[in-house]
PDB file of N, CA and C in Angstrom:
ATOM      1  N   MET A   1     -18.652  16.324  12.152  1.00  0.00           N
ATOM      2  CA  MET A   1     -17.643  16.301  11.100  1.00  0.00           C
ATOM      3  C   MET A   1     -17.043  14.897  11.048  1.00  0.00           C
ATOM      4  N   GLY A   2     -17.131  14.276   9.897  1.00  0.00           N
ATOM      5  CA  GLY A   2     -16.642  12.905   9.741  1.00  0.00           C
ATOM      6  C   GLY A   2     -15.187  12.851   9.309  1.00  0.00           C
ATOM      7  N   ARG A   3     -14.700  11.644   9.229  1.00  0.00           N
ATOM      8  CA  ARG A   3     -13.329  11.442   8.758  1.00  0.00           C
ATOM      9  C   ARG A   3     -13.289  11.569   7.252  1.00  0.00           C
ATOM     10  N   ARG A   4     -12.183  12.046   6.755  1.00  0.00           N
ATOM     11  CA  ARG A   4     -12.051  12.143   5.302  1.00  0.00           C
ATOM     12  C   ARG A   4     -11.511  10.823   4.756  1.00  0.00           C
ATOM     13  N   ARG A   5     -11.810  10.579   3.511  1.00  0.00           N
ATOM     14  CA  ARG A   5     -11.367   9.358   2.848  1.00  0.00           C
ATOM     15  C   ARG A   5      -9.885   9.490   2.500  1.00  0.00           C
ATOM     16  N   VAL A   6      -9.097   8.451   2.843  1.00  0.00           N
ATOM     17  CA  VAL A   6      -7.656   8.463   2.588  1.00  0.00           C
ATOM     18  C   VAL A   6      -7.385   7.803   1.247  1.00  0.00           C
ATOM     19  N   GLU A   7      -6.667   8.510   0.384  1.00  0.00           N
ATOM     20  CA  GLU A   7      -6.312   7.946  -0.913  1.00  0.00           C
ATOM     21  C   GLU A   7      -5.216   6.897  -0.705  1.00  0.00           C
ATOM     22  N   MET A   8      -5.418   5.709  -1.279  1.00  0.00           N
ATOM     23  CA  MET A   8      -4.469   4.616  -1.106  1.00  0.00           C
ATOM     24  C   MET A   8      -3.299   4.765  -2.077  1.00  0.00           C
ATOM     25  N   LYS A   9      -2.299   5.473  -1.633  1.00  0.00           N
ATOM     26  CA  LYS A   9      -1.055   5.612  -2.381  1.00  0.00           C
ATOM     27  C   LYS A   9       0.061   5.802  -1.364  1.00  0.00           C
ATOM     28  N   ARG A  10       1.276   5.571  -1.791  1.00  0.00           N
ATOM     29  CA  ARG A  10       2.425   5.657  -0.890  1.00  0.00           C
ATOM     30  C   ARG A  10       2.567   7.083  -0.359  1.00  0.00           C
ATOM     31  N   ILE A  11       2.815   7.206   0.929  1.00  0.00           N
ATOM     32  CA  ILE A  11       3.038   8.505   1.551  1.00  0.00           C
ATOM     33  C   ILE A  11       4.482   8.894   1.279  1.00  0.00           C
ATOM     34  N   GLU A  12       4.672  10.010   0.636  1.00  0.00           N
ATOM     35  CA  GLU A  12       6.018  10.417   0.216  1.00  0.00           C
ATOM     36  C   GLU A  12       6.853  10.975   1.366  1.00  0.00           C
ATOM     37  N   ASP A  13       6.222  11.720   2.281  1.00  0.00           N
ATOM     38  CA  ASP A  13       6.952  12.294   3.410  1.00  0.00           C
ATOM     39  C   ASP A  13       7.358  11.186   4.375  1.00  0.00           C
ATOM     40  N   LYS A  14       8.674  11.083   4.599  1.00  0.00           N
ATOM     41  CA  LYS A  14       9.222   9.978   5.412  1.00  0.00           C
ATOM     42  C   LYS A  14       8.681   9.988   6.842  1.00  0.00           C
ATOM     43  N   SER A  15       8.603  11.163   7.435  1.00  0.00           N
ATOM     44  CA  SER A  15       8.132  11.278   8.814  1.00  0.00           C
ATOM     45  C   SER A  15       6.654  10.894   8.924  1.00  0.00           C
ATOM     46  N   SER A  16       5.846  11.393   8.010  1.00  0.00           N
ATOM     47  CA  SER A  16       4.411  11.058   8.011  1.00  0.00           C
ATOM     48  C   SER A  16       4.204   9.571   7.767  1.00  0.00           C
ATOM     49  N   ARG A  17       5.017   9.006   6.885  1.00  0.00           N
ATOM     50  CA  ARG A  17       4.905   7.577   6.579  1.00  0.00           C
ATOM     51  C   ARG A  17       5.202   6.743   7.822  1.00  0.00           C
ATOM     52  N   GLN A  18       6.233   7.130   8.590  1.00  0.00           N
ATOM     53  CA  GLN A  18       6.602   6.395   9.796  1.00  0.00           C
ATOM     54  C   GLN A  18       5.504   6.490  10.859  1.00  0.00           C
ATOM     55  N   VAL A  19       4.943   7.677  11.024  1.00  0.00           N
ATOM     56  CA  VAL A  19       3.860   7.870  11.995  1.00  0.00           C
ATOM     57  C   VAL A  19       2.650   7.022  11.602  1.00  0.00           C
ATOM     58  N   THR A  20       2.298   7.037  10.312  1.00  0.00           N
ATOM     59  CA  THR A  20       1.165   6.250   9.830  1.00  0.00           C
ATOM     60  C   THR A  20       1.407   4.767  10.025  1.00  0.00           C
ATOM     61  N   PHE A  21       2.624   4.311   9.705  1.00  0.00           N
ATOM     62  CA  PHE A  21       2.957   2.898   9.888  1.00  0.00           C
ATOM     63  C   PHE A  21       2.802   2.495  11.350  1.00  0.00           C
ATOM     64  N   SER A  22       3.334   3.311  12.236  1.00  0.00           N
ATOM     65  CA  SER A  22       3.284   3.003  13.658  1.00  0.00           C
ATOM     66  C   SER A  22       1.842   2.940  14.172  1.00  0.00           C
ATOM     67  N   LYS A  23       1.028   3.919  13.805  1.00  0.00           N
ATOM     68  CA  LYS A  23      -0.358   3.942  14.262  1.00  0.00           C
ATOM     69  C   LYS A  23      -1.166   2.778  13.682  1.00  0.00           C
ATOM     70  N   ARG A  24      -1.010   2.539  12.391  1.00  0.00           N
ATOM     71  CA  ARG A  24      -1.781   1.467  11.752  1.00  0.00           C
ATOM     72  C   ARG A  24      -1.321   0.093  12.214  1.00  0.00           C
ATOM     73  N   ARG A  25      -0.025  -0.056  12.489  1.00  0.00           N
ATOM     74  CA  ARG A  25       0.481  -1.329  13.020  1.00  0.00           C
ATOM     75  C   ARG A  25      -0.158  -1.597  14.379  1.00  0.00           C
ATOM     76  N   GLY A  26      -0.215  -0.571  15.209  1.00  0.00           N
ATOM     77  CA  GLY A  26      -0.861  -0.711  16.520  1.00  0.00           C
ATOM     78  C   GLY A  26      -2.329  -1.070  16.392  1.00  0.00           C
ATOM     79  N   GLY A  27      -3.020  -0.435  15.429  1.00  0.00           N
ATOM     80  CA  GLY A  27      -4.431  -0.731  15.193  1.00  0.00           C
ATOM     81  C   GLY A  27      -4.639  -2.156  14.704  1.00  0.00           C
ATOM     82  N   LEU A  28      -3.737  -2.615  13.834  1.00  0.00           N
ATOM     83  CA  LEU A  28      -3.815  -3.982  13.322  1.00  0.00           C
ATOM     84  C   LEU A  28      -3.634  -4.992  14.447  1.00  0.00           C
ATOM     85  N   MET A  29      -2.662  -4.756  15.319  1.00  0.00           N
ATOM     86  CA  MET A  29      -2.425  -5.665  16.445  1.00  0.00           C
ATOM     87  C   MET A  29      -3.618  -5.666  17.401  1.00  0.00           C
ATOM     88  N   LYS A  30      -4.214  -4.484  17.610  1.00  0.00           N
ATOM     89  CA  LYS A  30      -5.384  -4.392  18.483  1.00  0.00           C
ATOM     90  C   LYS A  30      -6.551  -5.184  17.899  1.00  0.00           C
ATOM     91  N   LYS A  31      -6.784  -5.048  16.591  1.00  0.00           N
ATOM     92  CA  LYS A  31      -7.872  -5.791  15.941  1.00  0.00           C
ATOM     93  C   LYS A  31      -7.628  -7.298  16.010  1.00  0.00           C
ATOM     94  N   ALA A  32      -6.363  -7.709  15.856  1.00  0.00           N
ATOM     95  CA  ALA A  32      -6.036  -9.136  15.953  1.00  0.00           C
ATOM     96  C   ALA A  32      -6.337  -9.654  17.361  1.00  0.00           C
ATOM     97  N   ARG A  33      -5.963  -8.882  18.376  1.00  0.00           N
ATOM     98  CA  ARG A  33      -6.219  -9.258  19.766  1.00  0.00           C
ATOM     99  C   ARG A  33      -7.724  -9.355  20.025  1.00  0.00           C
ATOM    100  N   GLU A  34      -8.486  -8.361  19.526  1.00  0.00           N
ATOM    101  CA  GLU A  34      -9.936  -8.362  19.709  1.00  0.00           C
ATOM    102  C   GLU A  34     -10.582  -9.566  19.023  1.00  0.00           C
ATOM    103  N   LEU A  35     -10.149  -9.862  17.812  1.00  0.00           N
ATOM    104  CA  LEU A  35     -10.676 -11.012  17.079  1.00  0.00           C
ATOM    105  C   LEU A  35     -10.431 -12.302  17.849  1.00  0.00           C
ATOM    106  N   SER A  36      -9.238 -12.408  18.414  1.00  0.00           N
ATOM    107  CA  SER A  36      -8.885 -13.590  19.183  1.00  0.00           C
ATOM    108  C   SER A  36      -9.780 -13.751  20.411  1.00  0.00           C
ATOM    109  N   VAL A  37      -9.981 -12.658  21.132  1.00  0.00           N
ATOM    110  CA  VAL A  37     -10.777 -12.715  22.366  1.00  0.00           C
ATOM    111  C   VAL A  37     -12.258 -12.914  22.067  1.00  0.00           C
ATOM    112  N   LEU A  38     -12.797 -12.134  21.137  1.00  0.00           N
ATOM    113  CA  LEU A  38     -14.227 -12.186  20.858  1.00  0.00           C
ATOM    114  C   LEU A  38     -14.669 -13.496  20.220  1.00  0.00           C
ATOM    115  N   CYS A  39     -13.843 -14.039  19.333  1.00  0.00           N
ATOM    116  CA  CYS A  39     -14.242 -15.233  18.581  1.00  0.00           C
ATOM    117  C   CYS A  39     -13.580 -16.507  19.085  1.00  0.00           C
ATOM    118  N   GLY A  40     -12.649 -16.386  20.013  1.00  0.00           N
ATOM    119  CA  GLY A  40     -11.998 -17.572  20.564  1.00  0.00           C
ATOM    120  C   GLY A  40     -11.147 -18.313  19.555  1.00  0.00           C
ATOM    121  N   VAL A  41     -10.461 -17.571  18.688  1.00  0.00           N
ATOM    122  CA  VAL A  41      -9.623 -18.182  17.659  1.00  0.00           C
ATOM    123  C   VAL A  41      -8.163 -17.825  17.894  1.00  0.00           C
ATOM    124  N   ASP A  42      -7.276 -18.637  17.327  1.00  0.00           N
ATOM    125  CA  ASP A  42      -5.848 -18.336  17.380  1.00  0.00           C
ATOM    126  C   ASP A  42      -5.510 -17.401  16.226  1.00  0.00           C
ATOM    127  N   VAL A  43      -4.817 -16.329  16.525  1.00  0.00           N
ATOM    128  CA  VAL A  43      -4.462 -15.328  15.522  1.00  0.00           C
ATOM    129  C   VAL A  43      -2.965 -15.085  15.580  1.00  0.00           C
ATOM    130  N   SER A  44      -2.366 -15.012  14.413  1.00  0.00           N
ATOM    131  CA  SER A  44      -0.951 -14.681  14.323  1.00  0.00           C
ATOM    132  C   SER A  44      -0.770 -13.619  13.245  1.00  0.00           C
ATOM    133  N   VAL A  45      -0.101 -12.519  13.587  1.00  0.00           N
ATOM    134  CA  VAL A  45       0.142 -11.428  12.645  1.00  0.00           C
ATOM    135  C   VAL A  45       1.638 -11.176  12.599  1.00  0.00           C
ATOM    136  N   VAL A  46       2.185 -11.110  11.395  1.00  0.00           N
ATOM    137  CA  VAL A  46       3.606 -10.817  11.203  1.00  0.00           C
ATOM    138  C   VAL A  46       3.706  -9.631  10.248  1.00  0.00           C
ATOM    139  N   VAL A  47       4.426  -8.578  10.659  1.00  0.00           N
ATOM    140  CA  VAL A  47       4.588  -7.378   9.839  1.00  0.00           C
ATOM    141  C   VAL A  47       6.071  -7.050   9.757  1.00  0.00           C
ATOM    142  N   PHE A  48       6.561  -6.830   8.539  1.00  0.00           N
ATOM    143  CA  PHE A  48       7.924  -6.349   8.330  1.00  0.00           C
ATOM    144  C   PHE A  48       7.862  -4.870   7.995  1.00  0.00           C
ATOM    145  N   SER A  49       8.666  -4.055   8.671  1.00  0.00           N
ATOM    146  CA  SER A  49       8.742  -2.640   8.317  1.00  0.00           C
ATOM    147  C   SER A  49       9.561  -2.492   7.044  1.00  0.00           C
ATOM    148  N   CYS A  50       9.592  -1.280   6.503  1.00  0.00           N
ATOM    149  CA  CYS A  50      10.369  -1.055   5.274  1.00  0.00           C
ATOM    150  C   CYS A  50      11.864  -1.242   5.523  1.00  0.00           C
ATOM    151  N   ARG A  51      12.292  -1.158   6.770  1.00  0.00           N
ATOM    152  CA  ARG A  51      13.700  -1.392   7.119  1.00  0.00           C
ATOM    153  C   ARG A  51      13.981  -2.845   7.467  1.00  0.00           C
ATOM    154  N   GLY A  52      12.949  -3.679   7.408  1.00  0.00           N
ATOM    155  CA  GLY A  52      13.135  -5.099   7.665  1.00  0.00           C
ATOM    156  C   GLY A  52      12.925  -5.521   9.101  1.00  0.00           C
ATOM    157  N   LYS A  53      12.489  -4.600   9.965  1.00  0.00           N
ATOM    158  CA  LYS A  53      12.239  -4.968  11.357  1.00  0.00           C
ATOM    159  C   LYS A  53      10.942  -5.767  11.449  1.00  0.00           C
ATOM    160  N   LEU A  54      10.969  -6.794  12.277  1.00  0.00           N
ATOM    161  CA  LEU A  54       9.835  -7.697  12.422  1.00  0.00           C
ATOM    162  C   LEU A  54       8.983  -7.307  13.622  1.00  0.00           C
ATOM    163  N   TYR A  55       7.680  -7.212  13.402  1.00  0.00           N
ATOM    164  CA  TYR A  55       6.710  -7.000  14.473  1.00  0.00           C
ATOM    165  C   TYR A  55       5.734  -8.162  14.407  1.00  0.00           C
ATOM    166  N   ASP A  56       5.391  -8.724  15.559  1.00  0.00           N
ATOM    167  CA  ASP A  56       4.486  -9.870  15.522  1.00  0.00           C
ATOM    168  C   ASP A  56       3.520  -9.852  16.682  1.00  0.00           C
ATOM    169  N   PHE A  57       2.410 -10.533  16.479  1.00  0.00           N
ATOM    170  CA  PHE A  57       1.420 -10.764  17.523  1.00  0.00           C
ATOM    171  C   PHE A  57       0.971 -12.202  17.383  1.00  0.00           C
ATOM    172  N   CYS A  58       0.878 -12.897  18.489  1.00  0.00           N
ATOM    173  CA  CYS A  58       0.456 -14.283  18.461  1.00  0.00           C
ATOM    174  C   CYS A  58      -0.450 -14.535  19.665  1.00  0.00           C
ATOM    175  N   SER A  59      -1.640 -15.031  19.403  1.00  0.00           N
ATOM    176  CA  SER A  59      -2.575 -15.321  20.489  1.00  0.00           C
ATOM    177  C   SER A  59      -2.783 -16.819  20.576  1.00  0.00           C
ATOM    178  N   GLY A  60      -3.585 -17.203  21.505  1.00  0.00           N
ATOM    179  CA  GLY A  60      -3.949 -18.612  21.616  1.00  0.00           C
ATOM    180  C   GLY A  60      -3.431 -19.220  22.894  1.00  0.00           C
ATOM    181  N   THR A  61      -3.961 -20.382  23.170  1.00  0.00           N
ATOM    182  CA  THR A  61      -3.594 -21.059  24.412  1.00  0.00           C
ATOM    183  C   THR A  61      -2.226 -21.723  24.302  1.00  0.00           C
ATOM    184  N   ASP A  62      -1.838 -22.083  23.086  1.00  0.00           N
ATOM    185  CA  ASP A  62      -0.561 -22.774  22.903  1.00  0.00           C
ATOM    186  C   ASP A  62       0.354 -21.956  21.996  1.00  0.00           C
ATOM    187  N   ARG A  63       0.914 -20.895  22.535  1.00  0.00           N
ATOM    188  CA  ARG A  63       1.793 -20.015  21.759  1.00  0.00           C
ATOM    189  C   ARG A  63       3.102 -20.687  21.377  1.00  0.00           C
ATOM    190  N   SER A  64       3.481 -21.736  22.076  1.00  0.00           N
ATOM    191  CA  SER A  64       4.767 -22.384  21.825  1.00  0.00           C
ATOM    192  C   SER A  64       4.863 -22.935  20.406  1.00  0.00           C
ATOM    193  N   VAL A  65       3.721 -23.154  19.762  1.00  0.00           N
ATOM    194  CA  VAL A  65       3.724 -23.662  18.392  1.00  0.00           C
ATOM    195  C   VAL A  65       4.332 -22.630  17.447  1.00  0.00           C
ATOM    196  N   PHE A  66       4.056 -21.352  17.704  1.00  0.00           N
ATOM    197  CA  PHE A  66       4.512 -20.307  16.801  1.00  0.00           C
ATOM    198  C   PHE A  66       5.912 -19.789  17.128  1.00  0.00           C
ATOM    199  N   PHE A  67       6.414 -20.023  18.337  1.00  0.00           N
ATOM    200  CA  PHE A  67       7.697 -19.454  18.733  1.00  0.00           C
ATOM    201  C   PHE A  67       8.878 -19.878  17.867  1.00  0.00           C
ATOM    202  N   PRO A  68       9.008 -21.160  17.491  1.00  0.00           N
ATOM    203  CA  PRO A  68      10.142 -21.507  16.616  1.00  0.00           C
ATOM    204  C   PRO A  68      10.106 -20.767  15.285  1.00  0.00           C
ATOM    205  N   ALA A  69       8.913 -20.635  14.717  1.00  0.00           N
ATOM    206  CA  ALA A  69       8.783 -19.930  13.441  1.00  0.00           C
ATOM    207  C   ALA A  69       9.125 -18.453  13.605  1.00  0.00           C
ATOM    208  N   LEU A  70       8.632 -17.832  14.666  1.00  0.00           N
ATOM    209  CA  LEU A  70       8.916 -16.415  14.887  1.00  0.00           C
ATOM    210  C   LEU A  70      10.381 -16.182  15.203  1.00  0.00           C
ATOM    211  N   THR A  71      11.004 -17.097  15.913  1.00  0.00           N
ATOM    212  CA  THR A  71      12.437 -16.984  16.198  1.00  0.00           C
ATOM    213  C   THR A  71      13.231 -17.026  14.905  1.00  0.00           C
ATOM    214  N   CYS A  72      12.862 -17.938  14.019  1.00  0.00           N
ATOM    215  CA  CYS A  72      13.521 -18.026  12.721  1.00  0.00           C
ATOM    216  C   CYS A  72      13.351 -16.719  11.949  1.00  0.00           C
ATOM    217  N   LEU A  73      12.143 -16.158  11.974  1.00  0.00           N
ATOM    218  CA  LEU A  73      11.898 -14.909  11.258  1.00  0.00           C
ATOM    219  C   LEU A  73      12.673 -13.755  11.865  1.00  0.00           C
ATOM    220  N   ARG A  74      12.780 -13.714  13.197  1.00  0.00           N
ATOM    221  CA  ARG A  74      13.546 -12.636  13.842  1.00  0.00           C
ATOM    222  C   ARG A  74      15.012 -12.687  13.432  1.00  0.00           C
ATOM    223  N   ILE A  75      15.558 -13.889  13.389  1.00  0.00           N
ATOM    224  CA  ILE A  75      16.957 -14.045  13.003  1.00  0.00           C
ATOM    225  C   ILE A  75      17.164 -13.596  11.562  1.00  0.00           C
ATOM    226  N   CYS A  76      16.216 -13.928  10.709  1.00  0.00           N
ATOM    227  CA  CYS A  76      16.361 -13.648   9.278  1.00  0.00           C
ATOM    228  C   CYS A  76      15.736 -12.320   8.857  1.00  0.00           C
ATOM    229  N   SER A  77      15.152 -11.562   9.782  1.00  0.00           N
ATOM    230  CA  SER A  77      14.464 -10.332   9.398  1.00  0.00           C
ATOM    231  C   SER A  77      15.417  -9.243   8.922  1.00  0.00           C
ATOM    232  N   SER A  78      16.686  -9.400   9.185  1.00  0.00           N
ATOM    233  CA  SER A  78      17.642  -8.395   8.737  1.00  0.00           C
ATOM    234  C   SER A  78      18.041  -8.588   7.274  1.00  0.00           C
ATOM    235  N   LEU A  79      17.526  -9.639   6.643  1.00  0.00           N
ATOM    236  CA  LEU A  79      17.862  -9.885   5.245  1.00  0.00           C
ATOM    237  C   LEU A  79      17.315  -8.768   4.362  1.00  0.00           C
ATOM    238  N   ASP A  80      18.078  -8.405   3.357  1.00  0.00           N
ATOM    239  CA  ASP A  80      17.663  -7.340   2.455  1.00  0.00           C
ATOM    240  C   ASP A  80      16.761  -7.831   1.339  1.00  0.00           C
ATOM    241  N   TRP A  81      16.682  -9.121   1.142  1.00  0.00           N
ATOM    242  CA  TRP A  81      15.927  -9.659   0.025  1.00  0.00           C
ATOM    243  C   TRP A  81      14.500  -9.955   0.443  1.00  0.00           C
ATOM    244  N   ILE A  82      13.573  -9.211  -0.133  1.00  0.00           N
ATOM    245  CA  ILE A  82      12.162  -9.386   0.200  1.00  0.00           C
ATOM    246  C   ILE A  82      11.698 -10.795  -0.172  1.00  0.00           C
ATOM    247  N   TYR A  83      12.131 -11.274  -1.321  1.00  0.00           N
ATOM    248  CA  TYR A  83      11.725 -12.605  -1.783  1.00  0.00           C
ATOM    249  C   TYR A  83      12.143 -13.673  -0.774  1.00  0.00           C
ATOM    250  N   THR A  84      13.361 -13.561  -0.267  1.00  0.00           N
ATOM    251  CA  THR A  84      13.855 -14.528   0.719  1.00  0.00           C
ATOM    252  C   THR A  84      13.023 -14.457   1.989  1.00  0.00           C
ATOM    253  N   ARG A  85      12.683 -13.253   2.439  1.00  0.00           N
ATOM    254  CA  ARG A  85      11.861 -13.097   3.633  1.00  0.00           C
ATOM    255  C   ARG A  85      10.479 -13.718   3.419  1.00  0.00           C
ATOM    256  N   GLN A  86       9.915 -13.526   2.231  1.00  0.00           N
ATOM    257  CA  GLN A  86       8.597 -14.105   1.951  1.00  0.00           C
ATOM    258  C   GLN A  86       8.658 -15.629   1.977  1.00  0.00           C
ATOM    259  N   LYS A  87       9.714 -16.203   1.422  1.00  0.00           N
ATOM    260  CA  LYS A  87       9.859 -17.664   1.450  1.00  0.00           C
ATOM    261  C   LYS A  87      10.005 -18.160   2.881  1.00  0.00           C
ATOM    262  N   LEU A  88      10.776 -17.441   3.702  1.00  0.00           N
ATOM    263  CA  LEU A  88      10.951 -17.829   5.100  1.00  0.00           C
ATOM    264  C   LEU A  88       9.632 -17.724   5.863  1.00  0.00           C
ATOM    265  N   LEU A  89       8.857 -16.695   5.558  1.00  0.00           N
ATOM    266  CA  LEU A  89       7.568 -16.537   6.217  1.00  0.00           C
ATOM    267  C   LEU A  89       6.642 -17.697   5.877  1.00  0.00           C
ATOM    268  N   LEU A  90       6.591 -18.069   4.600  1.00  0.00           N
ATOM    269  CA  LEU A  90       5.757 -19.204   4.204  1.00  0.00           C
ATOM    270  C   LEU A  90       6.220 -20.498   4.868  1.00  0.00           C
ATOM    271  N   LEU A  91       7.525 -20.683   4.946  1.00  0.00           N
ATOM    272  CA  LEU A  91       8.069 -21.864   5.617  1.00  0.00           C
ATOM    273  C   LEU A  91       7.687 -21.863   7.095  1.00  0.00           C
ATOM    274  N   ALA A  92       7.774 -20.701   7.738  1.00  0.00           N
ATOM    275  CA  ALA A  92       7.413 -20.596   9.153  1.00  0.00           C
ATOM    276  C   ALA A  92       5.938 -20.909   9.369  1.00  0.00           C
ATOM    277  N   ILE A  93       5.090 -20.411   8.474  1.00  0.00           N
ATOM    278  CA  ILE A  93       3.648 -20.674   8.597  1.00  0.00           C
ATOM    279  C   ILE A  93       3.363 -22.159   8.412  1.00  0.00           C
ATOM    280  N   ARG A  94       3.973 -22.763   7.399  1.00  0.00           N
ATOM    281  CA  ARG A  94       3.762 -24.199   7.167  1.00  0.00           C
ATOM    282  C   ARG A  94       4.218 -25.025   8.366  1.00  0.00           C
ATOM    283  N   THR A  95       5.359 -24.645   8.942  1.00  0.00           N
ATOM    284  CA  THR A  95       5.875 -25.359  10.111  1.00  0.00           C
ATOM    285  C   THR A  95       4.905 -25.246  11.278  1.00  0.00           C
ATOM    286  N   SER A  96       4.364 -24.046  11.498  1.00  0.00           N
ATOM    287  CA  SER A  96       3.420 -23.840  12.597  1.00  0.00           C
ATOM    288  C   SER A  96       2.138 -24.611  12.377  1.00  0.00           C
ATOM    289  N   VAL A  97       1.616 -24.594  11.148  1.00  0.00           N
ATOM    290  CA  VAL A  97       0.388 -25.322  10.849  1.00  0.00           C
ATOM    291  C   VAL A  97       0.601 -26.815  11.026  1.00  0.00           C
ATOM    292  N   ARG A  98       1.749 -27.315  10.576  1.00  0.00           N
ATOM    293  CA  ARG A  98       2.059 -28.733  10.734  1.00  0.00           C
ATOM    294  C   ARG A  98       2.116 -29.097  12.211  1.00  0.00           C
ATOM    295  N   ALA A  99       2.754 -28.248  13.015  1.00  0.00           N
ATOM    296  CA  ALA A  99       2.859 -28.516  14.451  1.00  0.00           C
ATOM    297  C   ALA A  99       1.478 -28.506  15.107  1.00  0.00           C
ATOM    298  N   LEU A 100       0.617 -27.588  14.671  1.00  0.00           N
ATOM    299  CA  LEU A 100      -0.736 -27.547  15.229  1.00  0.00           C
ATOM    300  C   LEU A 100      -1.515 -28.803  14.870  1.00  0.00           C
ATOM    301  N   SER A 101      -1.379 -29.269  13.633  1.00  0.00           N
ATOM    302  CA  SER A 101      -2.142 -30.451  13.214  1.00  0.00           C
ATOM    303  C   SER A 101      -1.649 -31.705  13.922  1.00  0.00           C
ATOM    304  N   LEU A 102      -0.368 -31.746  14.288  1.00  0.00           N
ATOM    305  CA  LEU A 102       0.156 -32.894  15.018  1.00  0.00           C
ATOM    306  C   LEU A 102      -0.355 -32.931  16.456  1.00  0.00           C
ATOM    307  N   LYS A 103      -0.643 -31.745  17.028  1.00  0.00           N
ATOM    308  CA  LYS A 103      -1.111 -31.687  18.419  1.00  0.00           C
ATOM    309  C   LYS A 103      -2.565 -32.090  18.560  1.00  0.00           C
ATOM    310  N   THR A 104      -3.336 -32.026  17.462  1.00  0.00           N
ATOM    311  CA  THR A 104      -4.767 -32.362  17.571  1.00  0.00           C
ATOM    312  C   THR A 104      -5.034 -33.789  17.208  1.00  0.00           C
TER     313      THR A 104
END
């Protein structure tokens, strides 16, 4: 017996939605970790929950490059404005990429 196909639409039941978010977030972090180990690449994953809580995963030999950006995002993750959070995320990514390019 195989898995059934999941229709891609918002889950209306709050409890089911939270369980799905938690399981899929864990699966996403696991895949990021596997990709990092198997391919020897640096991986960074940032996820905001619907309540604005920040979850992150960062791999690589030099994690210190991403810490300032993630610290900034943690401080600002309580913001209610999605647009502002997206701008901060882009700024954090640009800062991290710039720091990485300066180290090489």
